């Protein structure tokens, strides 16, 4: 992950995840700071683009089911309407941390 900003700190790092991009599940790791959620793919993927989602731009963070069946997903919707889907373990804990970071981020702004 790139360098942290002057007021930024890590909440969790290196959480195993898959970013669902169309029909492909891009394997990698999630990082959460008080300002952004970052997904960095591992080197075995065809798609190596990483994504950074600013906490302030998130309008909805919710549980989802992979392929409509498996209860292991997180869906993040942005104010732009863009939707990101991730497959993770312990999704309730991860969602809780993202929501808490968003609350704190909104209070500071």
C-alpha atoms as a PDB file:
ATOM      1  CA  UNK A   1       0.000   0.000   0.000  1.00  0.00           C
ATOM      2  CA  UNK A   2       1.200   3.502  -0.718  1.00  0.00           C
ATOM      3  CA  UNK A   3       2.193   5.895   2.031  1.00  0.00           C
ATOM      4  CA  UNK A   4      -0.404   7.080   4.521  1.00  0.00           C
ATOM      5  CA  UNK A   5      -1.585  10.662   4.616  1.00  0.00           C
ATOM      6  CA  UNK A   6      -0.645  12.932   7.534  1.00  0.00           C
ATOM      7  CA  UNK A   7      -3.860  12.196   9.484  1.00  0.00           C
ATOM      8  CA  UNK A   8      -4.347   8.646   8.221  1.00  0.00           C
ATOM      9  CA  UNK A   9      -3.882   5.451  10.244  1.00  0.00           C
ATOM     10  CA  UNK A  10      -4.424   1.737   9.552  1.00  0.00           C
ATOM     11  CA  UNK A  11      -7.471   0.019  11.074  1.00  0.00           C
ATOM     12  CA  UNK A  12      -6.870  -3.385   9.492  1.00  0.00           C
ATOM     13  CA  UNK A  13      -4.541  -4.735   6.850  1.00  0.00           C
ATOM     14  CA  UNK A  14      -3.913  -7.792   4.721  1.00  0.00           C
ATOM     15  CA  UNK A  15      -7.436  -9.222   4.953  1.00  0.00           C
ATOM     16  CA  UNK A  16      -7.771 -11.996   2.359  1.00  0.00           C
ATOM     17  CA  UNK A  17     -10.422 -11.006  -0.178  1.00  0.00           C
ATOM     18  CA  UNK A  18     -11.628 -11.378  -3.734  1.00  0.00           C
ATOM     19  CA  UNK A  19     -12.817  -8.365  -5.699  1.00  0.00           C
ATOM     20  CA  UNK A  20     -15.653  -9.476  -7.947  1.00  0.00           C
ATOM     21  CA  UNK A  21     -15.096  -7.808 -11.316  1.00  0.00           C
ATOM     22  CA  UNK A  22     -17.692  -9.152 -13.682  1.00  0.00           C
ATOM     23  CA  UNK A  23     -17.251 -12.906 -13.798  1.00  0.00           C
ATOM     24  CA  UNK A  24     -13.730 -12.851 -12.372  1.00  0.00           C
ATOM     25  CA  UNK A  25     -12.855 -12.960  -8.691  1.00  0.00           C
ATOM     26  CA  UNK A  26      -9.574 -11.066  -8.385  1.00  0.00           C
ATOM     27  CA  UNK A  27      -7.697 -12.411  -5.359  1.00  0.00           C
ATOM     28  CA  UNK A  28      -5.793 -10.090  -3.062  1.00  0.00           C
ATOM     29  CA  UNK A  29      -5.873  -8.227   0.221  1.00  0.00           C
ATOM     30  CA  UNK A  30      -8.021  -5.481   1.733  1.00  0.00           C
ATOM     31  CA  UNK A  31      -6.641  -2.655   3.818  1.00  0.00           C
ATOM     32  CA  UNK A  32      -8.782  -0.201   5.779  1.00  0.00           C
ATOM     33  CA  UNK A  33      -7.584   3.145   7.067  1.00  0.00           C
ATOM     34  CA  UNK A  34      -9.623   5.885   8.656  1.00  0.00           C
ATOM     35  CA  UNK A  35      -9.806   7.520   5.201  1.00  0.00           C
ATOM     36  CA  UNK A  36     -10.048   4.732   2.594  1.00  0.00           C
ATOM     37  CA  UNK A  37     -10.589   1.086   1.768  1.00  0.00           C
ATOM     38  CA  UNK A  38      -7.858  -0.296  -0.489  1.00  0.00           C
ATOM     39  CA  UNK A  39      -7.796  -3.578  -2.408  1.00  0.00           C
ATOM     40  CA  UNK A  40      -4.425  -4.770  -3.729  1.00  0.00           C
ATOM     41  CA  UNK A  41      -4.465  -7.882  -5.947  1.00  0.00           C
ATOM     42  CA  UNK A  42      -1.794 -10.528  -5.648  1.00  0.00           C
ATOM     43  CA  UNK A  43       0.541 -11.250  -8.550  1.00  0.00           C
ATOM     44  CA  UNK A  44      -1.221 -14.402  -9.765  1.00  0.00           C
ATOM     45  CA  UNK A  45      -4.171 -12.499 -11.264  1.00  0.00           C
ATOM     46  CA  UNK A  46      -4.681 -11.524 -14.887  1.00  0.00           C
ATOM     47  CA  UNK A  47      -6.181  -8.260 -13.644  1.00  0.00           C
ATOM     48  CA  UNK A  48      -3.609  -6.469 -11.503  1.00  0.00           C
ATOM     49  CA  UNK A  49      -5.373  -3.134 -11.078  1.00  0.00           C
ATOM     50  CA  UNK A  50      -5.832  -2.130  -7.451  1.00  0.00           C
ATOM     51  CA  UNK A  51      -8.674  -0.008  -6.154  1.00  0.00           C
ATOM     52  CA  UNK A  52      -8.874   2.719  -3.550  1.00  0.00           C
ATOM     53  CA  UNK A  53     -12.289   3.722  -2.198  1.00  0.00           C
ATOM     54  CA  UNK A  54     -12.513   6.920  -0.192  1.00  0.00           C
ATOM     55  CA  UNK A  55     -14.556   6.481   3.004  1.00  0.00           C
ATOM     56  CA  UNK A  56     -16.378   9.790   2.495  1.00  0.00           C
ATOM     57  CA  UNK A  57     -17.696   8.631  -0.921  1.00  0.00           C
ATOM     58  CA  UNK A  58     -19.406   5.503   0.464  1.00  0.00           C
ATOM     59  CA  UNK A  59     -23.186   5.732   0.707  1.00  0.00           C
ATOM     60  CA  UNK A  60     -23.972   2.101   1.505  1.00  0.00           C
ATOM     61  CA  UNK A  61     -22.023  -0.816   2.974  1.00  0.00           C
ATOM     62  CA  UNK A  62     -23.965  -4.051   3.192  1.00  0.00           C
ATOM     63  CA  UNK A  63     -23.782  -7.820   3.362  1.00  0.00           C
ATOM     64  CA  UNK A  64     -24.311  -9.671   0.109  1.00  0.00           C
ATOM     65  CA  UNK A  65     -24.329 -13.224  -1.184  1.00  0.00           C
ATOM     66  CA  UNK A  66     -21.844 -14.392  -3.795  1.00  0.00           C
ATOM     67  CA  UNK A  67     -23.738 -15.613  -6.874  1.00  0.00           C
ATOM     68  CA  UNK A  68     -26.896 -14.954  -4.857  1.00  0.00           C
ATOM     69  CA  UNK A  69     -26.230 -18.032  -2.698  1.00  0.00           C
ATOM     70  CA  UNK A  70     -23.111 -17.893  -0.538  1.00  0.00           C
ATOM     71  CA  UNK A  71     -23.333 -15.420   2.389  1.00  0.00           C
ATOM     72  CA  UNK A  72     -19.741 -14.159   2.258  1.00  0.00           C
ATOM     73  CA  UNK A  73     -19.890 -10.876   0.375  1.00  0.00           C
ATOM     74  CA  UNK A  74     -19.669  -7.176   1.076  1.00  0.00           C
ATOM     75  CA  UNK A  75     -21.142  -4.628  -1.318  1.00  0.00           C
ATOM     76  CA  UNK A  76     -19.925  -1.026  -1.165  1.00  0.00           C
ATOM     77  CA  UNK A  77     -21.928   1.607  -3.056  1.00  0.00           C
ATOM     78  CA  UNK A  78     -20.472   5.053  -3.743  1.00  0.00           C
ATOM     79  CA  UNK A  79     -22.218   8.393  -4.109  1.00  0.00           C
ATOM     80  CA  UNK A  80     -21.353   8.172  -7.829  1.00  0.00           C
ATOM     81  CA  UNK A  81     -23.460   4.995  -8.077  1.00  0.00           C
ATOM     82  CA  UNK A  82     -20.399   2.801  -8.645  1.00  0.00           C
ATOM     83  CA  UNK A  83     -20.646  -0.548  -6.829  1.00  0.00           C
ATOM     84  CA  UNK A  84     -17.775  -2.691  -5.543  1.00  0.00           C
ATOM     85  CA  UNK A  85     -18.262  -6.292  -4.412  1.00  0.00           C
ATOM     86  CA  UNK A  86     -15.802  -8.234  -2.283  1.00  0.00           C
ATOM     87  CA  UNK A  87     -15.777 -11.788  -0.950  1.00  0.00           C
ATOM     88  CA  UNK A  88     -14.350 -12.022   2.575  1.00  0.00           C
ATOM     89  CA  UNK A  89     -14.432 -14.054   5.779  1.00  0.00           C
ATOM     90  CA  UNK A  90     -15.776 -12.339   8.916  1.00  0.00           C
ATOM     91  CA  UNK A  91     -17.786  -9.885   6.843  1.00  0.00           C
ATOM     92  CA  UNK A  92     -19.813  -8.651   9.840  1.00  0.00           C
ATOM     93  CA  UNK A  93     -16.630  -7.544  11.603  1.00  0.00           C
ATOM     94  CA  UNK A  94     -15.248  -5.918   8.451  1.00  0.00           C
ATOM     95  CA  UNK A  95     -18.506  -4.059   7.772  1.00  0.00           C
ATOM     96  CA  UNK A  96     -18.586  -2.893  11.394  1.00  0.00           C
ATOM     97  CA  UNK A  97     -15.050  -1.469  11.067  1.00  0.00           C
ATOM     98  CA  UNK A  98     -15.873   0.298   7.779  1.00  0.00           C
ATOM     99  CA  UNK A  99     -19.065   1.809   9.217  1.00  0.00           C
ATOM    100  CA  UNK A 100     -17.203   2.960  12.325  1.00  0.00           C
ATOM    101  CA  UNK A 101     -14.438   4.525  10.189  1.00  0.00           C
ATOM    102  CA  UNK A 102     -17.089   6.285   8.108  1.00  0.00           C
ATOM    103  CA  UNK A 103     -18.781   7.629  11.239  1.00  0.00           C
ATOM    104  CA  UNK A 104     -15.509   8.955  12.617  1.00  0.00           C
ATOM    105  CA  UNK A 105     -14.514  10.356   9.199  1.00  0.00           C
ATOM    106  CA  UNK A 106     -17.835  12.213   8.874  1.00  0.00           C
ATOM    107  CA  UNK A 107     -17.507  13.668  12.373  1.00  0.00           C
ATOM    108  CA  UNK A 108     -14.057  15.054  11.551  1.00  0.00           C
ATOM    109  CA  UNK A 109     -15.167  16.616   8.255  1.00  0.00           C
END
